[in-house]
Amino acid sequence: QVQLVESGGGLVQPGGSLRLSCAASGTISRFNTMGWYRQVPGKQRELVARITSGSSTNYADSVKGRFTISRDSAKNTVYLQMNNLKPEDTAVYYCNLANSRNYWGQGTQVTVSS
């Protein structure tokens, strides 16, 4: 079993920054992809960014140039640095770990509002 615990969400003004963290524990394969997804009410969960165990990354077009994903494999932790936040970034952000199965965190709320 794998457990994911997110932290770092909150309320921020447009143009501000937040950093999300997600720590994984349990039986974790060396080869996995960790990532962040987000969801707003009434819409499907969408990929924000993900990073492989080899540090290859990909991003949603809407966050390119503003968000940066990174990981500390020794700590089984993934980070999402979010800069220049916009109101449309408001969502519940979920951490994901994928190897032979998909695992999800409980979600953390990010609200961008003045």
N, C-alpha and C. Protein backbone atom coordinates (compact mmCIF):
# COMPACT_ATOMS: atom_id res chain seq x y z
N GLN A 1 0.82 -1.20 0.00
CA GLN A 1 0.00 0.00 0.00
C GLN A 1 0.86 1.25 0.00
N VAL A 2 0.33 2.28 -0.63
CA VAL A 2 1.03 3.57 -0.71
C VAL A 2 0.10 4.64 -0.17
N GLN A 3 0.64 5.52 0.66
CA GLN A 3 -0.11 6.66 1.17
C GLN A 3 0.55 7.94 0.68
N LEU A 4 -0.28 8.90 0.30
CA LEU A 4 0.20 10.19 -0.18
C LEU A 4 -0.39 11.28 0.70
N VAL A 5 0.45 12.16 1.20
CA VAL A 5 0.00 13.25 2.06
C VAL A 5 0.44 14.57 1.46
N GLU A 6 -0.55 15.40 1.11
CA GLU A 6 -0.27 16.70 0.49
C GLU A 6 -0.26 17.80 1.54
N SER A 7 0.44 18.87 1.22
CA SER A 7 0.41 20.07 2.05
C SER A 7 0.76 21.27 1.18
N GLY A 8 0.42 22.46 1.70
CA GLY A 8 0.84 23.68 1.03
C GLY A 8 -0.24 24.46 0.33
N GLY A 9 -1.46 23.97 0.31
CA GLY A 9 -2.53 24.74 -0.33
C GLY A 9 -2.92 25.94 0.51
N GLY A 10 -3.82 26.75 -0.05
CA GLY A 10 -4.29 27.90 0.69
C GLY A 10 -4.87 28.96 -0.21
N LEU A 11 -5.03 30.15 0.36
CA LEU A 11 -5.58 31.30 -0.35
C LEU A 11 -4.45 32.25 -0.71
N VAL A 12 -4.44 32.67 -1.97
CA VAL A 12 -3.39 33.58 -2.43
C VAL A 12 -4.00 34.56 -3.41
N GLN A 13 -3.43 35.76 -3.48
CA GLN A 13 -3.92 36.76 -4.42
C GLN A 13 -3.40 36.47 -5.83
N PRO A 14 -4.08 36.93 -6.84
CA PRO A 14 -3.58 36.77 -8.21
C PRO A 14 -2.16 37.34 -8.33
N GLY A 15 -1.32 36.59 -9.03
CA GLY A 15 0.08 36.98 -9.17
C GLY A 15 0.98 36.41 -8.08
N GLY A 16 0.37 35.82 -7.07
CA GLY A 16 1.14 35.26 -5.96
C GLY A 16 1.66 33.87 -6.26
N SER A 17 2.30 33.29 -5.24
CA SER A 17 2.94 31.98 -5.38
C SER A 17 2.54 31.06 -4.23
N LEU A 18 2.54 29.78 -4.54
CA LEU A 18 2.36 28.73 -3.54
C LEU A 18 3.25 27.55 -3.91
N ARG A 19 3.61 26.78 -2.90
CA ARG A 19 4.37 25.56 -3.15
C ARG A 19 3.64 24.39 -2.49
N LEU A 20 3.29 23.43 -3.31
CA LEU A 20 2.64 22.21 -2.82
C LEU A 20 3.69 21.13 -2.63
N SER A 21 3.49 20.32 -1.59
CA SER A 21 4.35 19.17 -1.34
C SER A 21 3.50 17.92 -1.20
N CYS A 22 4.07 16.79 -1.58
CA CYS A 22 3.38 15.52 -1.44
C CYS A 22 4.41 14.46 -1.05
N ALA A 23 4.20 13.88 0.13
CA ALA A 23 5.11 12.85 0.61
C ALA A 23 4.45 11.48 0.49
N ALA A 24 5.16 10.56 -0.12
CA ALA A 24 4.65 9.20 -0.30
C ALA A 24 5.31 8.27 0.71
N SER A 25 4.54 7.34 1.22
CA SER A 25 5.07 6.34 2.14
C SER A 25 4.46 4.99 1.80
N GLY A 26 5.12 3.94 2.27
CA GLY A 26 4.65 2.59 1.98
C GLY A 26 5.61 1.87 1.05
N THR A 27 5.09 0.89 0.36
CA THR A 27 5.91 0.09 -0.56
C THR A 27 5.89 0.76 -1.93
N ILE A 28 7.02 1.39 -2.28
CA ILE A 28 7.07 2.21 -3.49
C ILE A 28 8.15 1.69 -4.43
N SER A 29 7.74 1.41 -5.64
CA SER A 29 8.70 0.98 -6.64
C SER A 29 9.65 2.12 -6.98
N ARG A 30 10.89 1.77 -7.31
CA ARG A 30 11.85 2.79 -7.74
C ARG A 30 11.38 3.49 -9.01
N PHE A 31 10.67 2.75 -9.84
CA PHE A 31 10.25 3.29 -11.13
C PHE A 31 8.79 3.69 -11.05
N ASN A 32 8.57 4.98 -11.01
CA ASN A 32 7.21 5.48 -10.90
C ASN A 32 7.15 6.90 -11.45
N THR A 33 5.96 7.35 -11.64
CA THR A 33 5.71 8.73 -12.03
C THR A 33 4.88 9.39 -10.94
N MET A 34 5.29 10.55 -10.53
CA MET A 34 4.52 11.32 -9.55
C MET A 34 4.03 12.59 -10.22
N GLY A 35 2.87 13.02 -9.81
CA GLY A 35 2.33 14.19 -10.48
C GLY A 35 1.24 14.88 -9.69
N TRP A 36 0.78 15.98 -10.27
CA TRP A 36 -0.29 16.76 -9.67
C TRP A 36 -1.42 16.90 -10.69
N TYR A 37 -2.63 16.71 -10.21
CA TYR A 37 -3.83 16.91 -10.98
C TYR A 37 -4.70 17.91 -10.22
N ARG A 38 -5.66 18.49 -10.92
CA ARG A 38 -6.57 19.40 -10.24
C ARG A 38 -7.99 19.20 -10.75
N GLN A 39 -8.93 19.60 -9.90
CA GLN A 39 -10.33 19.42 -10.24
C GLN A 39 -11.16 20.54 -9.65
N VAL A 40 -12.08 21.04 -10.46
CA VAL A 40 -13.07 22.01 -10.00
C VAL A 40 -14.43 21.34 -10.08
N PRO A 41 -15.38 21.80 -9.27
CA PRO A 41 -16.71 21.15 -9.27
C PRO A 41 -17.33 21.13 -10.67
N GLY A 42 -17.85 19.98 -11.04
CA GLY A 42 -18.53 19.84 -12.32
C GLY A 42 -17.62 19.56 -13.50
N LYS A 43 -16.31 19.49 -13.24
CA LYS A 43 -15.38 19.21 -14.34
C LYS A 43 -14.53 17.99 -14.02
N GLN A 44 -13.95 17.42 -15.06
CA GLN A 44 -13.09 16.26 -14.87
C GLN A 44 -11.76 16.67 -14.25
N ARG A 45 -11.16 15.75 -13.55
CA ARG A 45 -9.83 15.97 -13.02
C ARG A 45 -8.86 16.06 -14.20
N GLU A 46 -7.95 17.04 -14.13
CA GLU A 46 -7.03 17.24 -15.24
C GLU A 46 -5.58 17.24 -14.75
N LEU A 47 -4.71 16.80 -15.65
CA LEU A 47 -3.29 16.81 -15.34
C LEU A 47 -2.77 18.24 -15.28
N VAL A 48 -1.97 18.51 -14.24
CA VAL A 48 -1.26 19.78 -14.14
C VAL A 48 0.20 19.58 -14.57
N ALA A 49 0.87 18.62 -13.92
CA ALA A 49 2.26 18.34 -14.23
C ALA A 49 2.62 16.98 -13.66
N ARG A 50 3.61 16.32 -14.27
CA ARG A 50 4.08 15.06 -13.74
C ARG A 50 5.56 14.90 -14.03
N ILE A 51 6.19 14.04 -13.25
CA ILE A 51 7.63 13.83 -13.36
C ILE A 51 7.92 12.36 -13.14
N THR A 52 8.75 11.80 -14.01
CA THR A 52 9.09 10.40 -13.89
C THR A 52 10.24 10.21 -12.91
N SER A 53 10.53 8.95 -12.60
CA SER A 53 11.66 8.66 -11.73
C SER A 53 12.98 9.04 -12.40
N GLY A 54 12.97 9.19 -13.73
CA GLY A 54 14.14 9.67 -14.45
C GLY A 54 14.16 11.17 -14.64
N SER A 55 13.20 11.85 -13.99
CA SER A 55 13.08 13.32 -13.99
C SER A 55 12.61 13.93 -15.30
N SER A 56 12.01 13.15 -16.15
CA SER A 56 11.33 13.73 -17.31
C SER A 56 10.01 14.34 -16.85
N THR A 57 9.70 15.50 -17.41
CA THR A 57 8.51 16.23 -16.98
C THR A 57 7.59 16.54 -18.15
N ASN A 58 6.33 16.70 -17.84
CA ASN A 58 5.42 17.34 -18.78
C ASN A 58 4.37 18.12 -18.02
N TYR A 59 3.87 19.16 -18.69
CA TYR A 59 2.99 20.14 -18.08
C TYR A 59 1.76 20.38 -18.95
N ALA A 60 0.68 20.74 -18.30
CA ALA A 60 -0.46 21.24 -19.04
C ALA A 60 -0.08 22.57 -19.68
N ASP A 61 -0.61 22.83 -20.86
CA ASP A 61 -0.27 24.07 -21.57
C ASP A 61 -0.61 25.29 -20.72
N SER A 62 -1.66 25.20 -19.94
CA SER A 62 -2.13 26.36 -19.18
C SER A 62 -1.19 26.76 -18.05
N VAL A 63 -0.26 25.89 -17.68
CA VAL A 63 0.63 26.22 -16.56
C VAL A 63 2.09 26.32 -16.99
N LYS A 64 2.39 26.04 -18.24
CA LYS A 64 3.77 26.11 -18.71
C LYS A 64 4.34 27.51 -18.49
N GLY A 65 5.56 27.55 -17.97
CA GLY A 65 6.21 28.82 -17.71
C GLY A 65 5.85 29.44 -16.36
N ARG A 66 4.84 28.88 -15.69
CA ARG A 66 4.44 29.41 -14.38
C ARG A 66 4.65 28.38 -13.26
N PHE A 67 4.43 27.12 -13.56
CA PHE A 67 4.55 26.06 -12.56
C PHE A 67 5.79 25.23 -12.84
N THR A 68 6.41 24.72 -11.77
CA THR A 68 7.57 23.85 -11.89
C THR A 68 7.39 22.65 -10.96
N ILE A 69 7.51 21.47 -11.53
CA ILE A 69 7.42 20.25 -10.72
C ILE A 69 8.83 19.72 -10.49
N SER A 70 9.06 19.19 -9.29
CA SER A 70 10.35 18.60 -8.97
C SER A 70 10.11 17.47 -7.97
N ARG A 71 11.15 16.66 -7.79
CA ARG A 71 11.01 15.56 -6.85
C ARG A 71 12.31 15.28 -6.13
N ASP A 72 12.17 14.76 -4.93
CA ASP A 72 13.29 14.26 -4.15
C ASP A 72 13.04 12.76 -3.99
N SER A 73 13.67 11.98 -4.84
CA SER A 73 13.38 10.54 -4.84
C SER A 73 13.82 9.88 -3.55
N ALA A 74 14.86 10.40 -2.91
CA ALA A 74 15.32 9.81 -1.65
C ALA A 74 14.26 9.95 -0.56
N LYS A 75 13.46 11.01 -0.66
CA LYS A 75 12.40 11.26 0.31
C LYS A 75 11.02 10.87 -0.21
N ASN A 76 10.97 10.35 -1.45
CA ASN A 76 9.67 10.02 -2.07
C ASN A 76 8.70 11.19 -1.98
N THR A 77 9.21 12.35 -2.31
CA THR A 77 8.42 13.58 -2.21
C THR A 77 8.44 14.31 -3.54
N VAL A 78 7.28 14.86 -3.91
CA VAL A 78 7.17 15.66 -5.11
C VAL A 78 6.67 17.04 -4.73
N TYR A 79 7.14 18.03 -5.46
CA TYR A 79 6.80 19.42 -5.18
C TYR A 79 6.19 20.07 -6.43
N LEU A 80 5.35 21.06 -6.19
CA LEU A 80 4.83 21.86 -7.29
C LEU A 80 4.96 23.32 -6.89
N GLN A 81 5.90 24.02 -7.52
CA GLN A 81 6.05 25.44 -7.31
C GLN A 81 5.14 26.17 -8.28
N MET A 82 4.23 26.95 -7.75
CA MET A 82 3.25 27.65 -8.58
C MET A 82 3.46 29.15 -8.45
N ASN A 83 3.83 29.78 -9.55
CA ASN A 83 4.07 31.23 -9.58
C ASN A 83 3.06 31.90 -10.48
N ASN A 84 2.93 33.21 -10.29
CA ASN A 84 2.01 33.99 -11.11
C ASN A 84 0.63 33.33 -11.19
N LEU A 85 0.11 33.01 -10.04
CA LEU A 85 -1.17 32.30 -9.99
C LEU A 85 -2.31 33.17 -10.49
N LYS A 86 -3.27 32.51 -11.13
CA LYS A 86 -4.42 33.17 -11.72
C LYS A 86 -5.70 32.62 -11.08
N PRO A 87 -6.77 33.38 -11.12
CA PRO A 87 -8.03 32.87 -10.55
C PRO A 87 -8.45 31.53 -11.15
N GLU A 88 -8.13 31.31 -12.41
CA GLU A 88 -8.52 30.04 -13.04
C GLU A 88 -7.69 28.86 -12.56
N ASP A 89 -6.67 29.11 -11.75
CA ASP A 89 -5.92 28.01 -11.13
C ASP A 89 -6.62 27.49 -9.87
N THR A 90 -7.67 28.17 -9.45
CA THR A 90 -8.41 27.73 -8.27
C THR A 90 -8.99 26.34 -8.49
N ALA A 91 -8.68 25.42 -7.59
CA ALA A 91 -9.12 24.04 -7.71
C ALA A 91 -8.65 23.26 -6.48
N VAL A 92 -9.11 22.03 -6.39
CA VAL A 92 -8.52 21.08 -5.46
C VAL A 92 -7.40 20.36 -6.21
N TYR A 93 -6.22 20.38 -5.64
CA TYR A 93 -5.05 19.77 -6.26
C TYR A 93 -4.78 18.42 -5.60
N TYR A 94 -4.62 17.40 -6.44
CA TYR A 94 -4.41 16.04 -5.97
C TYR A 94 -3.04 15.54 -6.39
N CYS A 95 -2.36 14.93 -5.46
CA CYS A 95 -1.10 14.27 -5.76
C CYS A 95 -1.39 12.86 -6.28
N ASN A 96 -0.57 12.42 -7.21
CA ASN A 96 -0.73 11.10 -7.81
C ASN A 96 0.62 10.39 -7.90
N LEU A 97 0.60 9.11 -7.60
CA LEU A 97 1.77 8.26 -7.84
C LEU A 97 1.31 7.09 -8.68
N ALA A 98 2.00 6.87 -9.78
CA ALA A 98 1.62 5.81 -10.70
C ALA A 98 2.79 4.88 -10.92
N ASN A 99 2.57 3.58 -10.66
CA ASN A 99 3.50 2.55 -11.13
C ASN A 99 2.64 1.46 -11.75
N SER A 100 2.49 0.35 -11.10
CA SER A 100 1.56 -0.65 -11.62
C SER A 100 0.12 -0.30 -11.25
N ARG A 101 -0.03 0.61 -10.29
CA ARG A 101 -1.35 1.09 -9.88
C ARG A 101 -1.29 2.60 -9.76
N ASN A 102 -2.48 3.18 -9.66
CA ASN A 102 -2.59 4.62 -9.42
C ASN A 102 -2.96 4.87 -7.96
N TYR A 103 -2.24 5.78 -7.32
CA TYR A 103 -2.54 6.16 -5.95
C TYR A 103 -2.80 7.66 -5.91
N TRP A 104 -3.73 8.06 -5.02
CA TRP A 104 -4.12 9.47 -4.94
C TRP A 104 -4.04 9.96 -3.50
N GLY A 105 -3.68 11.23 -3.37
CA GLY A 105 -3.76 11.89 -2.08
C GLY A 105 -5.18 12.37 -1.83
N GLN A 106 -5.38 13.00 -0.67
CA GLN A 106 -6.72 13.42 -0.27
C GLN A 106 -7.12 14.76 -0.91
N GLY A 107 -6.16 15.46 -1.46
CA GLY A 107 -6.44 16.74 -2.11
C GLY A 107 -6.18 17.92 -1.19
N THR A 108 -5.75 19.03 -1.78
CA THR A 108 -5.54 20.26 -1.04
C THR A 108 -6.12 21.42 -1.86
N GLN A 109 -6.84 22.29 -1.19
CA GLN A 109 -7.51 23.39 -1.87
C GLN A 109 -6.54 24.53 -2.16
N VAL A 110 -6.57 25.00 -3.39
CA VAL A 110 -5.85 26.21 -3.78
C VAL A 110 -6.88 27.21 -4.28
N THR A 111 -6.90 28.37 -3.67
CA THR A 111 -7.84 29.41 -4.05
C THR A 111 -7.06 30.67 -4.41
N VAL A 112 -7.28 31.17 -5.62
CA VAL A 112 -6.62 32.38 -6.08
C VAL A 112 -7.68 33.47 -6.23
N SER A 113 -7.63 34.43 -5.34
CA SER A 113 -8.67 35.45 -5.32
C SER A 113 -8.16 36.71 -4.62
N SER A 114 -8.66 37.85 -5.09
CA SER A 114 -8.32 39.11 -4.43
C SER A 114 -9.38 39.46 -3.38
